Amino acid sequence: MKDWVFNNFWIKVISLVLAIITWFYVNGELEKNNRLASKFYGSELYKSYLDENSQEQPAPEKKTKNKGYVTENK
């Protein structure tokens, strides 16, 4: 058991430190992205975008009998 812990000890420590740094970086980027998105979706720019595009005609629905299953062409 002792050999399992202390074998390549410094490589394990460096790996742990890099993993923690990576976790904090990714978590910070996700938080920053959420903050930017919440600012955008509450802004007047987004509301004006919705107003401009709500006047457009909706896309026609596709009428297919296939509900996502693979069928063979005969």
PDB file of N, CA and C in Angstrom:
ATOM      1  N   MET A   1       0.829  -1.199   0.000  1.00  0.00           N
ATOM      2  CA  MET A   1       0.000   0.000   0.000  1.00  0.00           C
ATOM      3  C   MET A   1       0.866   1.252   0.000  1.00  0.00           C
ATOM      4  N   LYS A   2       1.920   1.244   0.809  1.00  0.00           N
ATOM      5  CA  LYS A   2       2.807   2.396   0.886  1.00  0.00           C
ATOM      6  C   LYS A   2       3.491   2.632  -0.456  1.00  0.00           C
ATOM      7  N   ASP A   3       3.839   1.548  -1.116  1.00  0.00           N
ATOM      8  CA  ASP A   3       4.478   1.651  -2.420  1.00  0.00           C
ATOM      9  C   ASP A   3       3.519   2.260  -3.448  1.00  0.00           C
ATOM     10  N   TRP A   4       2.244   1.938  -3.316  1.00  0.00           N
ATOM     11  CA  TRP A   4       1.240   2.437  -4.247  1.00  0.00           C
ATOM     12  C   TRP A   4       1.100   3.957  -4.136  1.00  0.00           C
ATOM     13  N   VAL A   5       1.217   4.485  -2.925  1.00  0.00           N
ATOM     14  CA  VAL A   5       1.068   5.916  -2.697  1.00  0.00           C
ATOM     15  C   VAL A   5       2.339   6.675  -3.075  1.00  0.00           C
ATOM     16  N   PHE A   6       3.487   6.169  -2.667  1.00  0.00           N
ATOM     17  CA  PHE A   6       4.732   6.920  -2.839  1.00  0.00           C
ATOM     18  C   PHE A   6       5.483   6.626  -4.126  1.00  0.00           C
ATOM     19  N   ASN A   7       5.036   5.657  -4.909  1.00  0.00           N
ATOM     20  CA  ASN A   7       5.667   5.397  -6.198  1.00  0.00           C
ATOM     21  C   ASN A   7       5.270   6.517  -7.158  1.00  0.00           C
ATOM     22  N   ASN A   8       6.237   7.218  -7.736  1.00  0.00           N
ATOM     23  CA  ASN A   8       6.018   8.379  -8.625  1.00  0.00           C
ATOM     24  C   ASN A   8       5.224   9.470  -7.908  1.00  0.00           C
ATOM     25  N   PHE A   9       5.585   9.755  -6.692  1.00  0.00           N
ATOM     26  CA  PHE A   9       4.853  10.692  -5.844  1.00  0.00           C
ATOM     27  C   PHE A   9       4.755  12.072  -6.469  1.00  0.00           C
ATOM     28  N   TRP A  10       5.852  12.611  -6.983  1.00  0.00           N
ATOM     29  CA  TRP A  10       5.842  13.974  -7.520  1.00  0.00           C
ATOM     30  C   TRP A  10       5.032  14.083  -8.805  1.00  0.00           C
ATOM     31  N   ILE A  11       5.011  13.029  -9.587  1.00  0.00           N
ATOM     32  CA  ILE A  11       4.179  13.050 -10.793  1.00  0.00           C
ATOM     33  C   ILE A  11       2.704  13.103 -10.398  1.00  0.00           C
ATOM     34  N   LYS A  12       2.359  12.368  -9.333  1.00  0.00           N
ATOM     35  CA  LYS A  12       0.978  12.389  -8.849  1.00  0.00           C
ATOM     36  C   LYS A  12       0.606  13.758  -8.286  1.00  0.00           C
ATOM     37  N   VAL A  13       1.518  14.385  -7.583  1.00  0.00           N
ATOM     38  CA  VAL A  13       1.255  15.711  -7.027  1.00  0.00           C
ATOM     39  C   VAL A  13       1.081  16.730  -8.145  1.00  0.00           C
ATOM     40  N   ILE A  14       1.959  16.687  -9.134  1.00  0.00           N
ATOM     41  CA  ILE A  14       1.866  17.613 -10.273  1.00  0.00           C
ATOM     42  C   ILE A  14       0.556  17.379 -11.030  1.00  0.00           C
ATOM     43  N   SER A  15       0.163  16.136 -11.219  1.00  0.00           N
ATOM     44  CA  SER A  15      -1.095  15.833 -11.908  1.00  0.00           C
ATOM     45  C   SER A  15      -2.288  16.373 -11.142  1.00  0.00           C
ATOM     46  N   LEU A  16      -2.251  16.228  -9.827  1.00  0.00           N
ATOM     47  CA  LEU A  16      -3.339  16.747  -9.004  1.00  0.00           C
ATOM     48  C   LEU A  16      -3.426  18.265  -9.095  1.00  0.00           C
ATOM     49  N   VAL A  17      -2.291  18.936  -9.047  1.00  0.00           N
ATOM     50  CA  VAL A  17      -2.273  20.398  -9.142  1.00  0.00           C
ATOM     51  C   VAL A  17      -2.795  20.851 -10.502  1.00  0.00           C
ATOM     52  N   LEU A  18      -2.373  20.191 -11.575  1.00  0.00           N
ATOM     53  CA  LEU A  18      -2.857  20.554 -12.918  1.00  0.00           C
ATOM     54  C   LEU A  18      -4.356  20.298 -13.052  1.00  0.00           C
ATOM     55  N   ALA A  19      -4.837  19.224 -12.445  1.00  0.00           N
ATOM     56  CA  ALA A  19      -6.271  18.936 -12.509  1.00  0.00           C
ATOM     57  C   ALA A  19      -7.070  20.009 -11.771  1.00  0.00           C
ATOM     58  N   ILE A  20      -6.580  20.452 -10.638  1.00  0.00           N
ATOM     59  CA  ILE A  20      -7.277  21.495  -9.866  1.00  0.00           C
ATOM     60  C   ILE A  20      -7.270  22.816 -10.629  1.00  0.00           C
ATOM     61  N   ILE A  21      -6.133  23.170 -11.216  1.00  0.00           N
ATOM     62  CA  ILE A  21      -6.044  24.407 -11.999  1.00  0.00           C
ATOM     63  C   ILE A  21      -6.997  24.351 -13.187  1.00  0.00           C
ATOM     64  N   THR A  22      -7.042  23.214 -13.865  1.00  0.00           N
ATOM     65  CA  THR A  22      -7.944  23.055 -15.012  1.00  0.00           C
ATOM     66  C   THR A  22      -9.394  23.172 -14.584  1.00  0.00           C
ATOM     67  N   TRP A  23      -9.743  22.562 -13.446  1.00  0.00           N
ATOM     68  CA  TRP A  23     -11.117  22.629 -12.954  1.00  0.00           C
ATOM     69  C   TRP A  23     -11.517  24.066 -12.664  1.00  0.00           C
ATOM     70  N   PHE A  24     -10.647  24.820 -11.990  1.00  0.00           N
ATOM     71  CA  PHE A  24     -10.973  26.223 -11.698  1.00  0.00           C
ATOM     72  C   PHE A  24     -11.102  27.046 -12.976  1.00  0.00           C
ATOM     73  N   TYR A  25     -10.246  26.791 -13.956  1.00  0.00           N
ATOM     74  CA  TYR A  25     -10.312  27.534 -15.213  1.00  0.00           C
ATOM     75  C   TYR A  25     -11.636  27.264 -15.939  1.00  0.00           C
ATOM     76  N   VAL A  26     -11.997  25.996 -16.085  1.00  0.00           N
ATOM     77  CA  VAL A  26     -13.220  25.637 -16.795  1.00  0.00           C
ATOM     78  C   VAL A  26     -14.439  26.164 -16.041  1.00  0.00           C
ATOM     79  N   ASN A  27     -14.447  26.027 -14.738  1.00  0.00           N
ATOM     80  CA  ASN A  27     -15.562  26.520 -13.940  1.00  0.00           C
ATOM     81  C   ASN A  27     -15.702  28.044 -14.092  1.00  0.00           C
ATOM     82  N   GLY A  28     -14.597  28.755 -14.109  1.00  0.00           N
ATOM     83  CA  GLY A  28     -14.634  30.201 -14.301  1.00  0.00           C
ATOM     84  C   GLY A  28     -15.152  30.590 -15.663  1.00  0.00           C
ATOM     85  N   GLU A  29     -14.753  29.850 -16.693  1.00  0.00           N
ATOM     86  CA  GLU A  29     -15.232  30.138 -18.045  1.00  0.00           C
ATOM     87  C   GLU A  29     -16.732  29.888 -18.162  1.00  0.00           C
ATOM     88  N   LEU A  30     -17.221  28.834 -17.529  1.00  0.00           N
ATOM     89  CA  LEU A  30     -18.655  28.555 -17.567  1.00  0.00           C
ATOM     90  C   LEU A  30     -19.442  29.644 -16.851  1.00  0.00           C
ATOM     91  N   GLU A  31     -18.939  30.090 -15.726  1.00  0.00           N
ATOM     92  CA  GLU A  31     -19.612  31.170 -14.997  1.00  0.00           C
ATOM     93  C   GLU A  31     -19.623  32.456 -15.810  1.00  0.00           C
ATOM     94  N   LYS A  32     -18.500  32.753 -16.461  1.00  0.00           N
ATOM     95  CA  LYS A  32     -18.421  33.958 -17.285  1.00  0.00           C
ATOM     96  C   LYS A  32     -19.418  33.879 -18.437  1.00  0.00           C
ATOM     97  N   ASN A  33     -19.529  32.713 -19.043  1.00  0.00           N
ATOM     98  CA  ASN A  33     -20.467  32.508 -20.146  1.00  0.00           C
ATOM     99  C   ASN A  33     -21.903  32.680 -19.658  1.00  0.00           C
ATOM    100  N   ASN A  34     -22.211  32.160 -18.478  1.00  0.00           N
ATOM    101  CA  ASN A  34     -23.565  32.313 -17.931  1.00  0.00           C
ATOM    102  C   ASN A  34     -23.875  33.771 -17.637  1.00  0.00           C
ATOM    103  N   ARG A  35     -22.898  34.499 -17.110  1.00  0.00           N
ATOM    104  CA  ARG A  35     -23.125  35.915 -16.819  1.00  0.00           C
ATOM    105  C   ARG A  35     -23.369  36.704 -18.093  1.00  0.00           C
ATOM    106  N   LEU A  36     -22.583  36.410 -19.139  1.00  0.00           N
ATOM    107  CA  LEU A  36     -22.769  37.116 -20.405  1.00  0.00           C
ATOM    108  C   LEU A  36     -24.126  36.787 -21.023  1.00  0.00           C
ATOM    109  N   ALA A  37     -24.529  35.534 -20.942  1.00  0.00           N
ATOM    110  CA  ALA A  37     -25.812  35.136 -21.519  1.00  0.00           C
ATOM    111  C   ALA A  37     -26.963  35.799 -20.772  1.00  0.00           C
ATOM    112  N   SER A  38     -26.873  35.861 -19.451  1.00  0.00           N
ATOM    113  CA  SER A  38     -27.962  36.483 -18.696  1.00  0.00           C
ATOM    114  C   SER A  38     -28.037  37.977 -18.967  1.00  0.00           C
ATOM    115  N   LYS A  39     -26.889  38.611 -19.192  1.00  0.00           N
ATOM    116  CA  LYS A  39     -26.914  40.032 -19.547  1.00  0.00           C
ATOM    117  C   LYS A  39     -27.535  40.237 -20.920  1.00  0.00           C
ATOM    118  N   PHE A  40     -27.221  39.344 -21.864  1.00  0.00           N
ATOM    119  CA  PHE A  40     -27.733  39.488 -23.226  1.00  0.00           C
ATOM    120  C   PHE A  40     -29.238  39.235 -23.273  1.00  0.00           C
ATOM    121  N   TYR A  41     -29.707  38.159 -22.641  1.00  0.00           N
ATOM    122  CA  TYR A  41     -31.116  37.808 -22.731  1.00  0.00           C
ATOM    123  C   TYR A  41     -32.012  38.791 -21.984  1.00  0.00           C
ATOM    124  N   GLY A  42     -31.478  39.570 -21.078  1.00  0.00           N
ATOM    125  CA  GLY A  42     -32.263  40.579 -20.399  1.00  0.00           C
ATOM    126  C   GLY A  42     -32.134  41.947 -21.032  1.00  0.00           C
ATOM    127  N   SER A  43     -31.345  42.071 -22.060  1.00  0.00           N
ATOM    128  CA  SER A  43     -31.051  43.383 -22.637  1.00  0.00           C
ATOM    129  C   SER A  43     -32.105  43.803 -23.655  1.00  0.00           C
ATOM    130  N   GLU A  44     -32.063  45.072 -23.968  1.00  0.00           N
ATOM    131  CA  GLU A  44     -32.953  45.628 -24.983  1.00  0.00           C
ATOM    132  C   GLU A  44     -32.586  45.104 -26.373  1.00  0.00           C
ATOM    133  N   LEU A  45     -31.315  44.787 -26.583  1.00  0.00           N
ATOM    134  CA  LEU A  45     -30.881  44.267 -27.877  1.00  0.00           C
ATOM    135  C   LEU A  45     -31.599  42.958 -28.183  1.00  0.00           C
ATOM    136  N   TYR A  46     -31.673  42.069 -27.209  1.00  0.00           N
ATOM    137  CA  TYR A  46     -32.348  40.789 -27.418  1.00  0.00           C
ATOM    138  C   TYR A  46     -33.839  40.986 -27.624  1.00  0.00           C
ATOM    139  N   LYS A  47     -34.437  41.894 -26.850  1.00  0.00           N
ATOM    140  CA  LYS A  47     -35.876  42.140 -26.996  1.00  0.00           C
ATOM    141  C   LYS A  47     -36.188  42.708 -28.374  1.00  0.00           C
ATOM    142  N   SER A  48     -35.336  43.609 -28.876  1.00  0.00           N
ATOM    143  CA  SER A  48     -35.563  44.152 -30.213  1.00  0.00           C
ATOM    144  C   SER A  48     -35.351  43.076 -31.277  1.00  0.00           C
ATOM    145  N   TYR A  49     -34.415  42.163 -31.031  1.00  0.00           N
ATOM    146  CA  TYR A  49     -34.200  41.035 -31.950  1.00  0.00           C
ATOM    147  C   TYR A  49     -35.447  40.165 -32.019  1.00  0.00           C
ATOM    148  N   LEU A  50     -36.055  39.895 -30.869  1.00  0.00           N
ATOM    149  CA  LEU A  50     -37.272  39.092 -30.853  1.00  0.00           C
ATOM    150  C   LEU A  50     -38.403  39.798 -31.562  1.00  0.00           C
ATOM    151  N   ASP A  51     -38.532  41.106 -31.359  1.00  0.00           N
ATOM    152  CA  ASP A  51     -39.601  41.858 -32.009  1.00  0.00           C
ATOM    153  C   ASP A  51     -39.450  41.844 -33.521  1.00  0.00           C
ATOM    154  N   GLU A  52     -38.225  41.985 -34.017  1.00  0.00           N
ATOM    155  CA  GLU A  52     -37.993  41.999 -35.463  1.00  0.00           C
ATOM    156  C   GLU A  52     -38.282  40.640 -36.079  1.00  0.00           C
ATOM    157  N   ASN A  53     -37.894  39.573 -35.407  1.00  0.00           N
ATOM    158  CA  ASN A  53     -38.033  38.239 -35.996  1.00  0.00           C
ATOM    159  C   ASN A  53     -39.388  37.604 -35.726  1.00  0.00           C
ATOM    160  N   SER A  54     -40.191  38.169 -34.871  1.00  0.00           N
ATOM    161  CA  SER A  54     -41.502  37.585 -34.604  1.00  0.00           C
ATOM    162  C   SER A  54     -42.474  37.875 -35.746  1.00  0.00           C
ATOM    163  N   GLN A  55     -42.148  38.818 -36.609  1.00  0.00           N
ATOM    164  CA  GLN A  55     -43.016  39.158 -37.725  1.00  0.00           C
ATOM    165  C   GLN A  55     -42.817  38.208 -38.903  1.00  0.00           C
ATOM    166  N   GLU A  56     -41.763  37.429 -38.879  1.00  0.00           N
ATOM    167  CA  GLU A  56     -41.493  36.513 -39.978  1.00  0.00           C
ATOM    168  C   GLU A  56     -42.458  35.335 -39.916  1.00  0.00           C
ATOM    169  N   GLN A  57     -42.679  34.734 -41.075  1.00  0.00           N
ATOM    170  CA  GLN A  57     -43.533  33.554 -41.150  1.00  0.00           C
ATOM    171  C   GLN A  57     -42.796  32.354 -40.562  1.00  0.00           C
ATOM    172  N   PRO A  58     -43.481  31.520 -39.810  1.00  0.00           N
ATOM    173  CA  PRO A  58     -42.818  30.332 -39.276  1.00  0.00           C
ATOM    174  C   PRO A  58     -42.493  29.347 -40.389  1.00  0.00           C
ATOM    175  N   ALA A  59     -41.495  28.559 -40.172  1.00  0.00           N
ATOM    176  CA  ALA A  59     -41.085  27.572 -41.162  1.00  0.00           C
ATOM    177  C   ALA A  59     -42.173  26.508 -41.288  1.00  0.00           C
ATOM    178  N   PRO A  60     -42.432  26.063 -42.512  1.00  0.00           N
ATOM    179  CA  PRO A  60     -43.461  25.031 -42.682  1.00  0.00           C
ATOM    180  C   PRO A  60     -43.022  23.723 -42.025  1.00  0.00           C
ATOM    181  N   GLU A  61     -44.014  23.000 -41.508  1.00  0.00           N
ATOM    182  CA  GLU A  61     -43.699  21.731 -40.859  1.00  0.00           C
ATOM    183  C   GLU A  61     -43.425  20.674 -41.909  1.00  0.00           C
ATOM    184  N   LYS A  62     -42.476  19.804 -41.604  1.00  0.00           N
ATOM    185  CA  LYS A  62     -42.180  18.702 -42.507  1.00  0.00           C
ATOM    186  C   LYS A  62     -43.175  17.586 -42.231  1.00  0.00           C
ATOM    187  N   LYS A  63     -43.792  17.106 -43.280  1.00  0.00           N
ATOM    188  CA  LYS A  63     -44.765  16.027 -43.118  1.00  0.00           C
ATOM    189  C   LYS A  63     -44.107  14.719 -43.537  1.00  0.00           C
ATOM    190  N   THR A  64     -43.687  13.972 -42.549  1.00  0.00           N
ATOM    191  CA  THR A  64     -43.084  12.678 -42.823  1.00  0.00           C
ATOM    192  C   THR A  64     -43.787  11.616 -42.005  1.00  0.00           C
ATOM    193  N   LYS A  65     -43.858  10.440 -42.550  1.00  0.00           N
ATOM    194  CA  LYS A  65     -44.444   9.319 -41.833  1.00  0.00           C
ATOM    195  C   LYS A  65     -43.401   8.649 -40.942  1.00  0.00           C
ATOM    196  N   ASN A  66     -42.142   8.791 -41.318  1.00  0.00           N
ATOM    197  CA  ASN A  66     -41.062   8.157 -40.582  1.00  0.00           C
ATOM    198  C   ASN A  66     -40.800   8.960 -39.306  1.00  0.00           C
ATOM    199  N   LYS A  67     -40.808   8.297 -38.182  1.00  0.00           N
ATOM    200  CA  LYS A  67     -40.604   8.977 -36.901  1.00  0.00           C
ATOM    201  C   LYS A  67     -39.181   8.764 -36.389  1.00  0.00           C
ATOM    202  N   GLY A  68     -38.212   8.778 -37.263  1.00  0.00           N
ATOM    203  CA  GLY A  68     -36.821   8.654 -36.851  1.00  0.00           C
ATOM    204  C   GLY A  68     -36.258   7.251 -37.001  1.00  0.00           C
ATOM    205  N   TYR A  69     -37.067   6.340 -37.448  1.00  0.00           N
ATOM    206  CA  TYR A  69     -36.593   4.978 -37.621  1.00  0.00           C
ATOM    207  C   TYR A  69     -35.973   4.813 -39.005  1.00  0.00           C
ATOM    208  N   VAL A  70     -34.988   3.974 -39.088  1.00  0.00           N
ATOM    209  CA  VAL A  70     -34.328   3.715 -40.371  1.00  0.00           C
ATOM    210  C   VAL A  70     -35.193   2.742 -41.155  1.00  0.00           C
ATOM    211  N   THR A  71     -35.495   3.114 -42.376  1.00  0.00           N
ATOM    212  CA  THR A  71     -36.299   2.225 -43.234  1.00  0.00           C
ATOM    213  C   THR A  71     -35.533   1.946 -44.503  1.00  0.00           C
ATOM    214  N   GLU A  72     -35.840   0.817 -45.093  1.00  0.00           N
ATOM    215  CA  GLU A  72     -35.172   0.452 -46.343  1.00  0.00           C
ATOM    216  C   GLU A  72     -35.996   0.951 -47.524  1.00  0.00           C
ATOM    217  N   ASN A  73     -35.288   1.423 -48.540  1.00  0.00           N
ATOM    218  CA  ASN A  73     -35.972   1.833 -49.772  1.00  0.00           C
ATOM    219  C   ASN A  73     -36.130   0.614 -50.650  1.00  0.00           C
ATOM    220  N   LYS A  74     -37.340   0.366 -51.121  1.00  0.00           N
ATOM    221  CA  LYS A  74     -37.591  -0.818 -51.973  1.00  0.00           C
ATOM    222  C   LYS A  74     -37.795  -0.408 -53.386  1.00  0.00           C
TER     223      LYS A  74
END
